[in-house]
Amino acid sequence: MVSDDLLEILRCPACVQHAEGNLELKQDNWLICTEDGCGRKYPIRDDIPVMLIDEGDKWVEVSVDNLPIAPSKD
C-alpha cells in the first residue's frame, strides 16, 4: 500500500506544470487526476505508483468503473 505521506505529495505529471494536478486514489491501485479535462489514470503496481505521462495516457478513455482491479504490467 502506498503511504499517505506519498499520496499527499504526488501530482499528475502532465497537469502540475499549469494546475494543481491533484490525484485521487481509487480501488487502492489507481491514481486518478482530478483536473478538468485531464482524465489520466496512473496504476499502482507492487505498491509503486507508475507516474509516467505515457502510462496515464493509456487509460484516458477507460472509465473509472471499467479499470481493472489489478493493473496489467504491459
N, C-alpha and C. Protein backbone atom coordinates (compact mmCIF):
# COMPACT_ATOMS: atom_id res chain seq x y z
N MET A 1 0.84 -1.19 0.00
CA MET A 1 0.00 0.00 0.00
C MET A 1 0.88 1.24 0.00
N VAL A 2 0.46 2.24 -0.76
CA VAL A 2 1.20 3.49 -0.85
C VAL A 2 0.92 4.32 0.40
N SER A 3 1.97 4.88 0.97
CA SER A 3 1.81 5.64 2.21
C SER A 3 1.00 6.91 1.98
N ASP A 4 0.32 7.34 3.03
CA ASP A 4 -0.47 8.57 2.96
C ASP A 4 0.43 9.78 2.70
N ASP A 5 1.64 9.76 3.24
CA ASP A 5 2.58 10.87 3.03
C ASP A 5 2.93 11.01 1.54
N LEU A 6 3.15 9.87 0.89
CA LEU A 6 3.48 9.90 -0.54
C LEU A 6 2.26 10.35 -1.35
N LEU A 7 1.11 9.83 -1.03
CA LEU A 7 -0.11 10.22 -1.75
C LEU A 7 -0.37 11.71 -1.65
N GLU A 8 0.00 12.29 -0.54
CA GLU A 8 -0.23 13.72 -0.32
C GLU A 8 0.62 14.59 -1.23
N ILE A 9 1.80 14.13 -1.62
CA ILE A 9 2.69 14.96 -2.44
C ILE A 9 2.65 14.61 -3.93
N LEU A 10 2.11 13.44 -4.30
CA LEU A 10 2.07 13.06 -5.71
C LEU A 10 1.12 13.97 -6.48
N ARG A 11 1.50 14.31 -7.71
CA ARG A 11 0.69 15.14 -8.60
C ARG A 11 0.75 14.55 -10.00
N CYS A 12 -0.27 14.83 -10.80
CA CYS A 12 -0.29 14.40 -12.19
C CYS A 12 0.86 15.10 -12.91
N PRO A 13 1.79 14.35 -13.48
CA PRO A 13 2.95 14.99 -14.13
C PRO A 13 2.58 15.81 -15.36
N ALA A 14 1.44 15.51 -15.97
CA ALA A 14 1.01 16.28 -17.15
C ALA A 14 0.36 17.60 -16.75
N CYS A 15 -0.32 17.64 -15.63
CA CYS A 15 -1.08 18.84 -15.23
C CYS A 15 -0.33 19.76 -14.27
N VAL A 16 0.62 19.24 -13.54
CA VAL A 16 1.26 20.01 -12.48
C VAL A 16 1.99 21.25 -13.02
N GLN A 17 2.31 21.27 -14.30
CA GLN A 17 3.01 22.42 -14.87
C GLN A 17 2.11 23.64 -15.01
N HIS A 18 0.77 23.41 -15.08
CA HIS A 18 -0.14 24.53 -15.30
C HIS A 18 -1.31 24.55 -14.32
N ALA A 19 -1.41 23.55 -13.45
CA ALA A 19 -2.51 23.47 -12.49
C ALA A 19 -2.04 22.69 -11.27
N GLU A 20 -2.93 22.44 -10.35
CA GLU A 20 -2.59 21.69 -9.13
C GLU A 20 -2.17 20.25 -9.44
N GLY A 21 -2.87 19.61 -10.36
CA GLY A 21 -2.54 18.22 -10.70
C GLY A 21 -2.88 17.23 -9.60
N ASN A 22 -3.91 17.54 -8.83
CA ASN A 22 -4.29 16.66 -7.72
C ASN A 22 -4.74 15.30 -8.21
N LEU A 23 -4.43 14.29 -7.41
CA LEU A 23 -4.79 12.91 -7.71
C LEU A 23 -5.68 12.34 -6.62
N GLU A 24 -6.55 11.44 -7.03
CA GLU A 24 -7.45 10.78 -6.09
C GLU A 24 -7.21 9.27 -6.18
N LEU A 25 -7.08 8.62 -5.05
CA LEU A 25 -6.87 7.17 -5.00
C LEU A 25 -8.19 6.45 -5.21
N LYS A 26 -8.21 5.49 -6.15
CA LYS A 26 -9.40 4.68 -6.41
C LYS A 26 -9.00 3.21 -6.40
N GLN A 27 -9.84 2.38 -5.87
CA GLN A 27 -9.68 0.93 -5.84
C GLN A 27 -8.34 0.51 -5.23
N ASP A 28 -7.71 1.35 -4.46
CA ASP A 28 -6.42 1.08 -3.81
C ASP A 28 -5.27 0.83 -4.78
N ASN A 29 -5.51 0.94 -6.10
CA ASN A 29 -4.40 0.72 -7.02
C ASN A 29 -4.46 1.60 -8.27
N TRP A 30 -5.19 2.72 -8.19
CA TRP A 30 -5.23 3.69 -9.28
C TRP A 30 -5.19 5.10 -8.71
N LEU A 31 -4.42 5.96 -9.35
CA LEU A 31 -4.42 7.39 -9.04
C LEU A 31 -5.06 8.10 -10.23
N ILE A 32 -6.14 8.83 -9.95
CA ILE A 32 -6.92 9.48 -10.99
C ILE A 32 -6.71 10.99 -10.87
N CYS A 33 -6.34 11.63 -11.98
CA CYS A 33 -6.17 13.08 -11.98
C CYS A 33 -7.54 13.73 -11.89
N THR A 34 -7.70 14.70 -11.00
CA THR A 34 -8.98 15.36 -10.80
C THR A 34 -9.09 16.69 -11.55
N GLU A 35 -8.08 17.05 -12.33
CA GLU A 35 -8.14 18.29 -13.10
C GLU A 35 -9.14 18.14 -14.24
N ASP A 36 -9.91 19.21 -14.49
CA ASP A 36 -10.89 19.20 -15.58
C ASP A 36 -10.21 18.92 -16.91
N GLY A 37 -10.76 17.96 -17.64
CA GLY A 37 -10.27 17.65 -18.97
C GLY A 37 -9.06 16.74 -19.05
N CYS A 38 -8.49 16.35 -17.94
CA CYS A 38 -7.29 15.52 -17.99
C CYS A 38 -7.66 14.06 -18.27
N GLY A 39 -8.25 13.40 -17.30
CA GLY A 39 -8.67 12.02 -17.47
C GLY A 39 -7.58 10.98 -17.36
N ARG A 40 -6.36 11.38 -17.04
CA ARG A 40 -5.29 10.40 -16.91
C ARG A 40 -5.46 9.58 -15.64
N LYS A 41 -5.11 8.31 -15.77
CA LYS A 41 -5.20 7.38 -14.65
C LYS A 41 -3.87 6.65 -14.56
N TYR A 42 -3.28 6.66 -13.38
CA TYR A 42 -1.96 6.08 -13.17
C TYR A 42 -2.08 4.84 -12.28
N PRO A 43 -1.61 3.70 -12.76
CA PRO A 43 -1.71 2.47 -11.96
C PRO A 43 -0.68 2.44 -10.84
N ILE A 44 -1.00 1.70 -9.82
CA ILE A 44 -0.06 1.43 -8.73
C ILE A 44 0.26 -0.05 -8.81
N ARG A 45 1.50 -0.37 -9.09
CA ARG A 45 1.93 -1.76 -9.24
C ARG A 45 2.94 -2.10 -8.16
N ASP A 46 2.67 -3.16 -7.45
CA ASP A 46 3.56 -3.59 -6.36
C ASP A 46 3.85 -2.44 -5.40
N ASP A 47 2.81 -1.68 -5.08
CA ASP A 47 2.87 -0.53 -4.16
C ASP A 47 3.71 0.63 -4.68
N ILE A 48 3.95 0.67 -5.99
CA ILE A 48 4.72 1.76 -6.60
C ILE A 48 3.87 2.45 -7.65
N PRO A 49 3.56 3.73 -7.47
CA PRO A 49 2.79 4.46 -8.48
C PRO A 49 3.61 4.62 -9.76
N VAL A 50 3.01 4.31 -10.89
CA VAL A 50 3.66 4.47 -12.20
C VAL A 50 3.24 5.83 -12.74
N MET A 51 4.05 6.84 -12.48
CA MET A 51 3.70 8.22 -12.76
C MET A 51 4.28 8.72 -14.08
N LEU A 52 4.20 7.91 -15.12
CA LEU A 52 4.66 8.31 -16.44
C LEU A 52 3.46 8.83 -17.23
N ILE A 53 3.62 9.95 -17.91
CA ILE A 53 2.52 10.52 -18.69
C ILE A 53 2.01 9.51 -19.71
N ASP A 54 2.92 8.79 -20.37
CA ASP A 54 2.51 7.79 -21.35
C ASP A 54 1.63 6.72 -20.72
N GLU A 55 1.91 6.34 -19.50
CA GLU A 55 1.10 5.34 -18.81
C GLU A 55 -0.28 5.92 -18.49
N GLY A 56 -0.33 7.15 -18.04
CA GLY A 56 -1.61 7.79 -17.77
C GLY A 56 -2.45 7.95 -19.03
N ASP A 57 -1.78 8.21 -20.16
CA ASP A 57 -2.48 8.37 -21.43
C ASP A 57 -3.18 7.08 -21.87
N LYS A 58 -2.62 5.94 -21.54
CA LYS A 58 -3.20 4.65 -21.94
C LYS A 58 -4.61 4.46 -21.41
N TRP A 59 -4.92 5.08 -20.28
CA TRP A 59 -6.17 4.84 -19.58
C TRP A 59 -7.17 5.99 -19.67
N VAL A 60 -6.88 7.01 -20.47
CA VAL A 60 -7.74 8.19 -20.56
C VAL A 60 -9.16 7.81 -20.98
N GLU A 61 -9.30 6.94 -21.95
CA GLU A 61 -10.62 6.58 -22.49
C GLU A 61 -11.37 5.56 -21.64
N VAL A 62 -10.72 4.99 -20.64
CA VAL A 62 -11.35 3.97 -19.80
C VAL A 62 -12.01 4.66 -18.61
N SER A 63 -13.29 4.37 -18.40
CA SER A 63 -13.97 4.96 -17.25
C SER A 63 -13.44 4.34 -15.96
N VAL A 64 -13.58 5.07 -14.88
CA VAL A 64 -13.09 4.58 -13.58
C VAL A 64 -13.74 3.25 -13.23
N ASP A 65 -15.02 3.11 -13.55
CA ASP A 65 -15.73 1.87 -13.24
C ASP A 65 -15.21 0.67 -14.03
N ASN A 66 -14.55 0.92 -15.16
CA ASN A 66 -14.06 -0.17 -16.00
C ASN A 66 -12.56 -0.43 -15.86
N LEU A 67 -11.90 0.24 -14.94
CA LEU A 67 -10.47 -0.01 -14.72
C LEU A 67 -10.29 -1.40 -14.14
N PRO A 68 -9.25 -2.11 -14.57
CA PRO A 68 -9.01 -3.44 -13.99
C PRO A 68 -8.66 -3.33 -12.51
N ILE A 69 -9.04 -4.34 -11.76
CA ILE A 69 -8.72 -4.36 -10.31
C ILE A 69 -7.22 -4.38 -10.09
N ALA A 70 -6.53 -5.23 -10.82
CA ALA A 70 -5.07 -5.30 -10.74
C ALA A 70 -4.52 -4.80 -12.08
N PRO A 71 -3.87 -3.62 -12.10
CA PRO A 71 -3.35 -3.09 -13.35
C PRO A 71 -2.39 -4.06 -14.03
N SER A 72 -2.49 -4.15 -15.35
CA SER A 72 -1.60 -5.05 -16.09
C SER A 72 -0.20 -4.48 -16.12
N LYS A 73 0.75 -5.32 -16.42
CA LYS A 73 2.16 -4.89 -16.47
C LYS A 73 2.61 -4.66 -17.90
N ASP A 74 1.68 -4.50 -18.82
CA ASP A 74 2.02 -4.29 -20.23
C ASP A 74 2.60 -2.91 -20.45
